[in-house]
Amino acid sequence: MCPTSTGGSPLGGLLFGLARWIPFAFDAVSYLFVTLAALFIRGPLGPDRAEEKTAEPTSVRQDVGEGLRFLRRDSFLRFLLLWAALSNCTLAGLAFMFVVALRHHGASASVIGTSESIVMACGLLGALAAGRIVRRVSGFQIVVIMSWLMVAGTLGIAALVARPWPAALCFGSLVFFMTPLNVTFQARMAATVPDRIAGRVMTTTSMAAQSLKWLAPWSAARWPTASPRPRPSSASPPCSPCWRSPST
């Protein structure tokens, strides 16, 4: 999780509050700048190997097949594909249910926005501290810590959802360790994947990591609970549904 993506959510919410079309306009302009910047690239993006210049051109199907064969041979990358897909689905579900549960318990829009800002601030702190954490904590320990934090964080958010600030800090502890975890995975991939097929392998792992995120809101929306409804308020209408947070 890089600082730009971490800070994008609160910025998008701020722009959306000004006018609904503004964040979409900013997004379109950002793609325009990226396109213009790409057109002005003149240096080689490499790495260009001498033997590759004389090799026969390959098709997209052959390139994808080569990347998949490499993934099948590496036990770490196989673990990464499964773990990343499941953890991203869990985190997406938590993010969705965090907002829905706060809304259900009567939190106002400003309280929800501030709570999400606290979570994003934890992510920025994690990005700043990632270098020190990775140097002092092994990759295995980071994976174990993050795995247990998902369990503890889910239970903590469910227990503290009526208190927005503690719930936000609980969720933020998960987001804090996301950048050190990503650094660990990316460093291992850079060390083991040959440059020649790095793009194919990383694209495949990225697609696999995001492959189950669509299940998060769909699954969360199908888990109503029988807990009593809150008293009507301006932030929580009498007919608002009642949900419970997903568990791992």
C-alpha atoms as a PDB file:
ATOM      1  CA  MET A   1       0.000   0.000   0.000  1.00  0.00           C
ATOM      2  CA  CYS A   2       1.728   3.128  -1.135  1.00  0.00           C
ATOM      3  CA  PRO A   3       1.088   6.560   0.380  1.00  0.00           C
ATOM      4  CA  THR A   4      -0.692   7.785  -2.745  1.00  0.00           C
ATOM      5  CA  SER A   5      -3.271   4.995  -2.668  1.00  0.00           C
ATOM      6  CA  THR A   6      -3.579   5.303   1.099  1.00  0.00           C
ATOM      7  CA  GLY A   7      -4.292   9.006   0.936  1.00  0.00           C
ATOM      8  CA  GLY A   8      -6.508   8.693  -2.114  1.00  0.00           C
ATOM      9  CA  SER A   9      -9.591   7.513  -0.223  1.00  0.00           C
ATOM     10  CA  PRO A  10      -9.913  10.470   2.171  1.00  0.00           C
ATOM     11  CA  LEU A  11      -9.062  12.887  -0.645  1.00  0.00           C
ATOM     12  CA  GLY A  12     -11.712  11.313  -2.842  1.00  0.00           C
ATOM     13  CA  GLY A  13     -14.240  11.582  -0.019  1.00  0.00           C
ATOM     14  CA  LEU A  14     -13.381  15.256   0.458  1.00  0.00           C
ATOM     15  CA  LEU A  15     -13.792  15.983  -3.255  1.00  0.00           C
ATOM     16  CA  PHE A  16     -17.027  13.992  -3.408  1.00  0.00           C
ATOM     17  CA  GLY A  17     -18.359  16.107  -0.566  1.00  0.00           C
ATOM     18  CA  LEU A  18     -17.763  19.233  -2.642  1.00  0.00           C
ATOM     19  CA  ALA A  19     -19.515  17.832  -5.714  1.00  0.00           C
ATOM     20  CA  ARG A  20     -20.176  14.314  -6.948  1.00  0.00           C
ATOM     21  CA  TRP A  21     -18.460  14.819 -10.300  1.00  0.00           C
ATOM     22  CA  ILE A  22     -15.195  16.307  -8.951  1.00  0.00           C
ATOM     23  CA  PRO A  23     -13.372  13.083  -7.918  1.00  0.00           C
ATOM     24  CA  PHE A  24     -14.176  11.479 -11.277  1.00  0.00           C
ATOM     25  CA  ALA A  25     -12.867  14.542 -13.096  1.00  0.00           C
ATOM     26  CA  PHE A  26      -9.659  14.443 -11.069  1.00  0.00           C
ATOM     27  CA  ASP A  27      -9.259  10.743 -11.863  1.00  0.00           C
ATOM     28  CA  ALA A  28      -9.678  11.389 -15.585  1.00  0.00           C
ATOM     29  CA  VAL A  29      -7.136  14.211 -15.482  1.00  0.00           C
ATOM     30  CA  SER A  30      -4.640  11.982 -13.659  1.00  0.00           C
ATOM     31  CA  TYR A  31      -4.847   9.390 -16.444  1.00  0.00           C
ATOM     32  CA  LEU A  32      -4.329  12.161 -18.990  1.00  0.00           C
ATOM     33  CA  PHE A  33      -1.125  13.255 -17.254  1.00  0.00           C
ATOM     34  CA  VAL A  34       0.109   9.659 -17.087  1.00  0.00           C
ATOM     35  CA  THR A  35      -0.528   9.240 -20.809  1.00  0.00           C
ATOM     36  CA  LEU A  36       1.322  12.454 -21.658  1.00  0.00           C
ATOM     37  CA  ALA A  37       4.227  11.511 -19.393  1.00  0.00           C
ATOM     38  CA  ALA A  38       4.501   8.103 -21.062  1.00  0.00           C
ATOM     39  CA  LEU A  39       4.681   9.727 -24.489  1.00  0.00           C
ATOM     40  CA  PHE A  40       7.764  11.701 -23.431  1.00  0.00           C
ATOM     41  CA  ILE A  41       9.729   8.673 -22.204  1.00  0.00           C
ATOM     42  CA  ARG A  42      12.833   8.377 -24.363  1.00  0.00           C
ATOM     43  CA  GLY A  43      15.173   6.134 -22.392  1.00  0.00           C
ATOM     44  CA  PRO A  44      15.085   2.328 -22.566  1.00  0.00           C
ATOM     45  CA  LEU A  45      12.896   0.683 -19.963  1.00  0.00           C
ATOM     46  CA  GLY A  46      14.929  -2.571 -20.108  1.00  0.00           C
ATOM     47  CA  PRO A  47      16.356  -4.818 -19.139  1.00  0.00           C
ATOM     48  CA  ASP A  48      17.288  -5.635 -22.731  1.00  0.00           C
ATOM     49  CA  ARG A  49      19.284  -8.844 -22.949  1.00  0.00           C
ATOM     50  CA  ALA A  50      21.454  -9.442 -26.012  1.00  0.00           C
ATOM     51  CA  GLU A  51      20.108 -12.952 -26.436  1.00  0.00           C
ATOM     52  CA  GLU A  52      16.523 -11.686 -26.359  1.00  0.00           C
ATOM     53  CA  LYS A  53      17.133  -9.331 -29.256  1.00  0.00           C
ATOM     54  CA  THR A  54      17.869 -12.258 -31.537  1.00  0.00           C
ATOM     55  CA  ALA A  55      15.154 -14.540 -30.155  1.00  0.00           C
ATOM     56  CA  GLU A  56      11.986 -15.329 -32.046  1.00  0.00           C
ATOM     57  CA  PRO A  57       8.981 -13.196 -31.036  1.00  0.00           C
ATOM     58  CA  THR A  58       6.482 -14.971 -28.786  1.00  0.00           C
ATOM     59  CA  SER A  59       2.714 -14.744 -28.574  1.00  0.00           C
ATOM     60  CA  VAL A  60       0.723 -13.550 -25.579  1.00  0.00           C
ATOM     61  CA  ARG A  61      -0.399 -17.119 -24.942  1.00  0.00           C
ATOM     62  CA  GLN A  62       3.204 -18.330 -24.804  1.00  0.00           C
ATOM     63  CA  ASP A  63       4.189 -15.494 -22.459  1.00  0.00           C
ATOM     64  CA  VAL A  64       1.309 -16.225 -20.080  1.00  0.00           C
ATOM     65  CA  GLY A  65       2.089 -19.930 -20.156  1.00  0.00           C
ATOM     66  CA  GLU A  66       5.721 -19.312 -19.287  1.00  0.00           C
ATOM     67  CA  GLY A  67       4.745 -17.134 -16.345  1.00  0.00           C
ATOM     68  CA  LEU A  68       2.284 -19.711 -15.028  1.00  0.00           C
ATOM     69  CA  ARG A  69       4.837 -22.509 -15.325  1.00  0.00           C
ATOM     70  CA  PHE A  70       7.272 -20.498 -13.225  1.00  0.00           C
ATOM     71  CA  LEU A  71       4.579 -19.867 -10.595  1.00  0.00           C
ATOM     72  CA  ARG A  72       3.797 -23.579 -10.374  1.00  0.00           C
ATOM     73  CA  ARG A  73       7.448 -24.405  -9.691  1.00  0.00           C
ATOM     74  CA  ASP A  74       7.897 -21.905  -6.844  1.00  0.00           C
ATOM     75  CA  SER A  75       6.251 -22.885  -3.532  1.00  0.00           C
ATOM     76  CA  PHE A  76       6.576 -19.350  -2.111  1.00  0.00           C
ATOM     77  CA  LEU A  77       4.739 -17.789  -5.048  1.00  0.00           C
ATOM     78  CA  ARG A  78       2.007 -20.417  -4.823  1.00  0.00           C
ATOM     79  CA  PHE A  79       1.556 -19.522  -1.160  1.00  0.00           C
ATOM     80  CA  LEU A  80       1.568 -15.825  -2.033  1.00  0.00           C
ATOM     81  CA  LEU A  81      -1.202 -16.252  -4.611  1.00  0.00           C
ATOM     82  CA  LEU A  82      -3.529 -18.007  -2.170  1.00  0.00           C
ATOM     83  CA  TRP A  83      -2.685 -15.911   0.894  1.00  0.00           C
ATOM     84  CA  ALA A  84      -2.959 -12.583  -0.918  1.00  0.00           C
ATOM     85  CA  ALA A  85      -6.301 -13.473  -2.501  1.00  0.00           C
ATOM     86  CA  LEU A  86      -7.835 -14.524   0.827  1.00  0.00           C
ATOM     87  CA  SER A  87      -6.369 -11.645   2.841  1.00  0.00           C
ATOM     88  CA  ASN A  88      -7.441  -9.013   0.300  1.00  0.00           C
ATOM     89  CA  CYS A  89     -10.952 -10.428   0.314  1.00  0.00           C
ATOM     90  CA  THR A  90     -10.990 -10.292   4.130  1.00  0.00           C
ATOM     91  CA  LEU A  91      -9.693  -6.725   4.272  1.00  0.00           C
ATOM     92  CA  ALA A  92     -12.142  -5.562   1.611  1.00  0.00           C
ATOM     93  CA  GLY A  93     -14.986  -7.107   3.592  1.00  0.00           C
ATOM     94  CA  LEU A  94     -13.807  -5.417   6.776  1.00  0.00           C
ATOM     95  CA  ALA A  95     -13.576  -2.046   5.039  1.00  0.00           C
ATOM     96  CA  PHE A  96     -17.102  -2.435   3.685  1.00  0.00           C
ATOM     97  CA  MET A  97     -18.607  -3.620   6.975  1.00  0.00           C
ATOM     98  CA  PHE A  98     -16.696  -1.008   8.989  1.00  0.00           C
ATOM     99  CA  VAL A  99     -18.601   1.789   7.267  1.00  0.00           C
ATOM    100  CA  VAL A 100     -21.933  -0.059   7.267  1.00  0.00           C
ATOM    101  CA  ALA A 101     -21.665  -0.988  10.953  1.00  0.00           C
ATOM    102  CA  LEU A 102     -20.727   2.533  12.013  1.00  0.00           C
ATOM    103  CA  ARG A 103     -23.677   3.870  10.050  1.00  0.00           C
ATOM    104  CA  HIS A 104     -25.999   1.338  11.655  1.00  0.00           C
ATOM    105  CA  HIS A 105     -24.870   2.336  15.143  1.00  0.00           C
ATOM    106  CA  GLY A 106     -25.810   5.943  14.498  1.00  0.00           C
ATOM    107  CA  ALA A 107     -22.460   7.439  13.451  1.00  0.00           C
ATOM    108  CA  SER A 108     -22.738  10.622  11.442  1.00  0.00           C
ATOM    109  CA  ALA A 109     -21.030  11.173   8.107  1.00  0.00           C
ATOM    110  CA  SER A 110     -18.331  13.289   9.757  1.00  0.00           C
ATOM    111  CA  VAL A 111     -17.637  10.582  12.357  1.00  0.00           C
ATOM    112  CA  ILE A 112     -17.382   7.924   9.655  1.00  0.00           C
ATOM    113  CA  GLY A 113     -15.072  10.123   7.595  1.00  0.00           C
ATOM    114  CA  THR A 114     -12.859  10.834  10.593  1.00  0.00           C
ATOM    115  CA  SER A 115     -12.742   7.138  11.477  1.00  0.00           C
ATOM    116  CA  GLU A 116     -11.625   6.256   7.965  1.00  0.00           C
ATOM    117  CA  SER A 117      -9.042   9.028   8.113  1.00  0.00           C
ATOM    118  CA  ILE A 118      -7.626   7.459  11.280  1.00  0.00           C
ATOM    119  CA  VAL A 119      -7.359   4.120   9.474  1.00  0.00           C
ATOM    120  CA  MET A 120      -5.627   5.749   6.504  1.00  0.00           C
ATOM    121  CA  ALA A 121      -3.263   7.641   8.816  1.00  0.00           C
ATOM    122  CA  CYS A 122      -2.214   4.311  10.288  1.00  0.00           C
ATOM    123  CA  GLY A 123      -1.483   3.139   6.752  1.00  0.00           C
ATOM    124  CA  LEU A 124       0.709   6.184   6.101  1.00  0.00           C
ATOM    125  CA  LEU A 125       2.605   5.564   9.338  1.00  0.00           C
ATOM    126  CA  GLY A 126       3.096   1.954   8.289  1.00  0.00           C
ATOM    127  CA  ALA A 127       4.518   3.097   4.951  1.00  0.00           C
ATOM    128  CA  LEU A 128       6.960   5.427   6.711  1.00  0.00           C
ATOM    129  CA  ALA A 129       8.026   2.724   9.162  1.00  0.00           C
ATOM    130  CA  ALA A 130       8.178  -0.109   6.613  1.00  0.00           C
ATOM    131  CA  GLY A 131      11.945   0.102   6.085  1.00  0.00           C
ATOM    132  CA  ARG A 132      12.768  -0.178   9.779  1.00  0.00           C
ATOM    133  CA  ILE A 133      10.242  -2.953  10.344  1.00  0.00           C
ATOM    134  CA  VAL A 134      11.510  -5.077   7.452  1.00  0.00           C
ATOM    135  CA  ARG A 135      15.137  -4.694   8.623  1.00  0.00           C
ATOM    136  CA  ARG A 136      14.334  -5.761  12.188  1.00  0.00           C
ATOM    137  CA  VAL A 137      11.569  -8.337  11.696  1.00  0.00           C
ATOM    138  CA  SER A 138      11.844 -11.391   9.478  1.00  0.00           C
ATOM    139  CA  GLY A 139       9.432 -11.932   6.618  1.00  0.00           C
ATOM    140  CA  PHE A 140       8.029 -15.051   8.295  1.00  0.00           C
ATOM    141  CA  GLN A 141       7.264 -13.097  11.471  1.00  0.00           C
ATOM    142  CA  ILE A 142       5.562 -10.307   9.505  1.00  0.00           C
ATOM    143  CA  VAL A 143       3.286 -12.831   7.764  1.00  0.00           C
ATOM    144  CA  VAL A 144       2.416 -14.487  11.088  1.00  0.00           C
ATOM    145  CA  ILE A 145       1.760 -11.129  12.784  1.00  0.00           C
ATOM    146  CA  MET A 146      -0.471  -9.987   9.924  1.00  0.00           C
ATOM    147  CA  SER A 147      -2.386 -13.270   9.912  1.00  0.00           C
ATOM    148  CA  TRP A 148      -3.172 -13.053  13.625  1.00  0.00           C
ATOM    149  CA  LEU A 149      -3.977  -9.351  13.350  1.00  0.00           C
ATOM    150  CA  MET A 150      -6.700 -10.211  10.850  1.00  0.00           C
ATOM    151  CA  VAL A 151      -8.346 -12.467  13.413  1.00  0.00           C
ATOM    152  CA  ALA A 152      -7.865 -10.041  16.308  1.00  0.00           C
ATOM    153  CA  GLY A 153      -8.802  -7.052  14.186  1.00  0.00           C
ATOM    154  CA  THR A 154     -12.038  -8.635  12.982  1.00  0.00           C
ATOM    155  CA  LEU A 155     -13.097  -9.526  16.530  1.00  0.00           C
ATOM    156  CA  GLY A 156     -11.979  -6.133  17.817  1.00  0.00           C
ATOM    157  CA  ILE A 157     -13.903  -4.175  15.194  1.00  0.00           C
ATOM    158  CA  ALA A 158     -17.028  -6.253  15.862  1.00  0.00           C
ATOM    159  CA  ALA A 159     -16.738  -5.626  19.616  1.00  0.00           C
ATOM    160  CA  LEU A 160     -15.889  -1.914  19.391  1.00  0.00           C
ATOM    161  CA  VAL A 161     -18.010  -0.847  16.447  1.00  0.00           C
ATOM    162  CA  ALA A 162     -20.277   1.208  18.739  1.00  0.00           C
ATOM    163  CA  ARG A 163     -17.165   3.248  19.694  1.00  0.00           C
ATOM    164  CA  PRO A 164     -15.816   4.649  16.406  1.00  0.00           C
ATOM    165  CA  TRP A 165     -12.340   5.795  17.539  1.00  0.00           C
ATOM    166  CA  PRO A 166     -11.204   2.514  19.200  1.00  0.00           C
ATOM    167  CA  ALA A 167     -12.685   0.577  16.272  1.00  0.00           C
ATOM    168  CA  ALA A 168     -10.758   2.771  13.824  1.00  0.00           C
ATOM    169  CA  LEU A 169      -7.495   2.187  15.716  1.00  0.00           C
ATOM    170  CA  CYS A 170      -8.176  -1.540  15.722  1.00  0.00           C
ATOM    171  CA  PHE A 171      -8.707  -1.516  11.963  1.00  0.00           C
ATOM    172  CA  GLY A 172      -5.730   0.787  11.552  1.00  0.00           C
ATOM    173  CA  SER A 173      -3.428  -1.772  13.186  1.00  0.00           C
ATOM    174  CA  LEU A 174      -4.189  -4.072  10.266  1.00  0.00           C
ATOM    175  CA  VAL A 175      -3.541  -1.385   7.682  1.00  0.00           C
ATOM    176  CA  PHE A 176      -0.308  -0.374   9.444  1.00  0.00           C
ATOM    177  CA  PHE A 177       1.327  -3.728   8.711  1.00  0.00           C
ATOM    178  CA  MET A 178       0.129  -3.946   5.109  1.00  0.00           C
ATOM    179  CA  THR A 179       3.057  -1.994   3.653  1.00  0.00           C
ATOM    180  CA  PRO A 180       5.786  -4.003   5.484  1.00  0.00           C
ATOM    181  CA  LEU A 181       4.019  -7.147   4.325  1.00  0.00           C
ATOM    182  CA  ASN A 182       3.910  -5.947   0.709  1.00  0.00           C
ATOM    183  CA  VAL A 183       7.580  -4.956   0.900  1.00  0.00           C
ATOM    184  CA  THR A 184       8.446  -8.448   2.132  1.00  0.00           C
ATOM    185  CA  PHE A 185       6.547 -10.130  -0.697  1.00  0.00           C
ATOM    186  CA  GLN A 186       7.830  -7.796  -3.401  1.00  0.00           C
ATOM    187  CA  ALA A 187      11.441  -8.122  -2.243  1.00  0.00           C
ATOM    188  CA  ARG A 188      11.192 -11.900  -2.327  1.00  0.00           C
ATOM    189  CA  MET A 189       9.680 -11.816  -5.799  1.00  0.00           C
ATOM    190  CA  ALA A 190      12.400  -9.476  -7.074  1.00  0.00           C
ATOM    191  CA  ALA A 191      15.054 -11.826  -5.715  1.00  0.00           C
ATOM    192  CA  THR A 192      13.596 -15.035  -7.164  1.00  0.00           C
ATOM    193  CA  VAL A 193      11.861 -14.060 -10.422  1.00  0.00           C
ATOM    194  CA  PRO A 194      14.144 -13.616 -13.479  1.00  0.00           C
ATOM    195  CA  ASP A 195      14.029 -10.161 -15.049  1.00  0.00           C
ATOM    196  CA  ARG A 196      12.950 -11.640 -18.357  1.00  0.00           C
ATOM    197  CA  ILE A 197       9.578 -12.823 -17.028  1.00  0.00           C
ATOM    198  CA  ALA A 198       9.182 -10.455 -14.064  1.00  0.00           C
ATOM    199  CA  GLY A 199       6.364  -8.531 -15.719  1.00  0.00           C
ATOM    200  CA  ARG A 200       4.419 -11.689 -16.557  1.00  0.00           C
ATOM    201  CA  VAL A 201       4.778 -13.162 -13.080  1.00  0.00           C
ATOM    202  CA  MET A 202       3.963  -9.937 -11.230  1.00  0.00           C
ATOM    203  CA  THR A 203       0.914  -9.284 -13.411  1.00  0.00           C
ATOM    204  CA  THR A 204      -0.358 -12.796 -12.720  1.00  0.00           C
ATOM    205  CA  THR A 205       0.160 -12.483  -8.970  1.00  0.00           C
ATOM    206  CA  SER A 206      -1.519  -9.074  -8.929  1.00  0.00           C
ATOM    207  CA  MET A 207      -4.575 -10.405 -10.743  1.00  0.00           C
ATOM    208  CA  ALA A 208      -4.745 -13.397  -8.396  1.00  0.00           C
ATOM    209  CA  ALA A 209      -4.404 -11.174  -5.320  1.00  0.00           C
ATOM    210  CA  GLN A 210      -7.438  -9.123  -6.413  1.00  0.00           C
ATOM    211  CA  SER A 211      -9.468 -12.050  -7.746  1.00  0.00           C
ATOM    212  CA  LEU A 212     -11.658 -12.585  -4.654  1.00  0.00           C
ATOM    213  CA  LYS A 213     -12.254  -8.976  -3.581  1.00  0.00           C
ATOM    214  CA  TRP A 214     -15.599  -8.902  -5.373  1.00  0.00           C
ATOM    215  CA  LEU A 215     -16.845 -11.546  -2.913  1.00  0.00           C
ATOM    216  CA  ALA A 216     -16.397  -9.231   0.082  1.00  0.00           C
ATOM    217  CA  PRO A 217     -19.368  -6.841  -0.347  1.00  0.00           C
ATOM    218  CA  TRP A 218     -21.532  -9.603  -1.814  1.00  0.00           C
ATOM    219  CA  SER A 219     -20.891 -11.910   1.149  1.00  0.00           C
ATOM    220  CA  ALA A 220     -21.199  -9.169   3.750  1.00  0.00           C
ATOM    221  CA  ALA A 221     -24.535  -8.048   2.335  1.00  0.00           C
ATOM    222  CA  ARG A 222     -25.953 -11.563   2.782  1.00  0.00           C
ATOM    223  CA  TRP A 223     -25.176 -11.802   6.524  1.00  0.00           C
ATOM    224  CA  PRO A 224     -28.025 -10.050   8.393  1.00  0.00           C
ATOM    225  CA  THR A 225     -28.099 -10.469  12.135  1.00  0.00           C
ATOM    226  CA  ALA A 226     -30.884 -10.442  14.681  1.00  0.00           C
ATOM    227  CA  SER A 227     -29.379  -7.821  16.984  1.00  0.00           C
ATOM    228  CA  PRO A 228     -31.780  -5.080  18.085  1.00  0.00           C
ATOM    229  CA  ARG A 229     -32.139  -2.063  15.887  1.00  0.00           C
ATOM    230  CA  PRO A 230     -30.764   1.249  17.136  1.00  0.00           C
ATOM    231  CA  ARG A 231     -33.049   4.089  18.034  1.00  0.00           C
ATOM    232  CA  PRO A 232     -33.948   6.231  15.014  1.00  0.00           C
ATOM    233  CA  SER A 233     -31.732   9.226  14.416  1.00  0.00           C
ATOM    234  CA  SER A 234     -30.869  11.569  11.586  1.00  0.00           C
ATOM    235  CA  ALA A 235     -27.783   9.456  10.786  1.00  0.00           C
ATOM    236  CA  SER A 236     -29.524   6.066  11.132  1.00  0.00           C
ATOM    237  CA  PRO A 237     -33.010   5.824   9.584  1.00  0.00           C
ATOM    238  CA  PRO A 238     -35.583   3.508  11.204  1.00  0.00           C
ATOM    239  CA  CYS A 239     -35.503   1.092   8.275  1.00  0.00           C
ATOM    240  CA  SER A 240     -31.725   0.721   8.065  1.00  0.00           C
ATOM    241  CA  PRO A 241     -30.602  -2.938   7.908  1.00  0.00           C
ATOM    242  CA  CYS A 242     -28.568  -4.570  10.656  1.00  0.00           C
ATOM    243  CA  TRP A 243     -25.322  -6.330   9.812  1.00  0.00           C
ATOM    244  CA  ARG A 244     -22.566  -8.103  11.619  1.00  0.00           C
ATOM    245  CA  SER A 245     -18.902  -7.963  10.664  1.00  0.00           C
ATOM    246  CA  PRO A 246     -17.485 -10.944   8.780  1.00  0.00           C
ATOM    247  CA  SER A 247     -15.186 -13.250  10.650  1.00  0.00           C
ATOM    248  CA  THR A 248     -12.118 -15.043   9.340  1.00  0.00           C
END
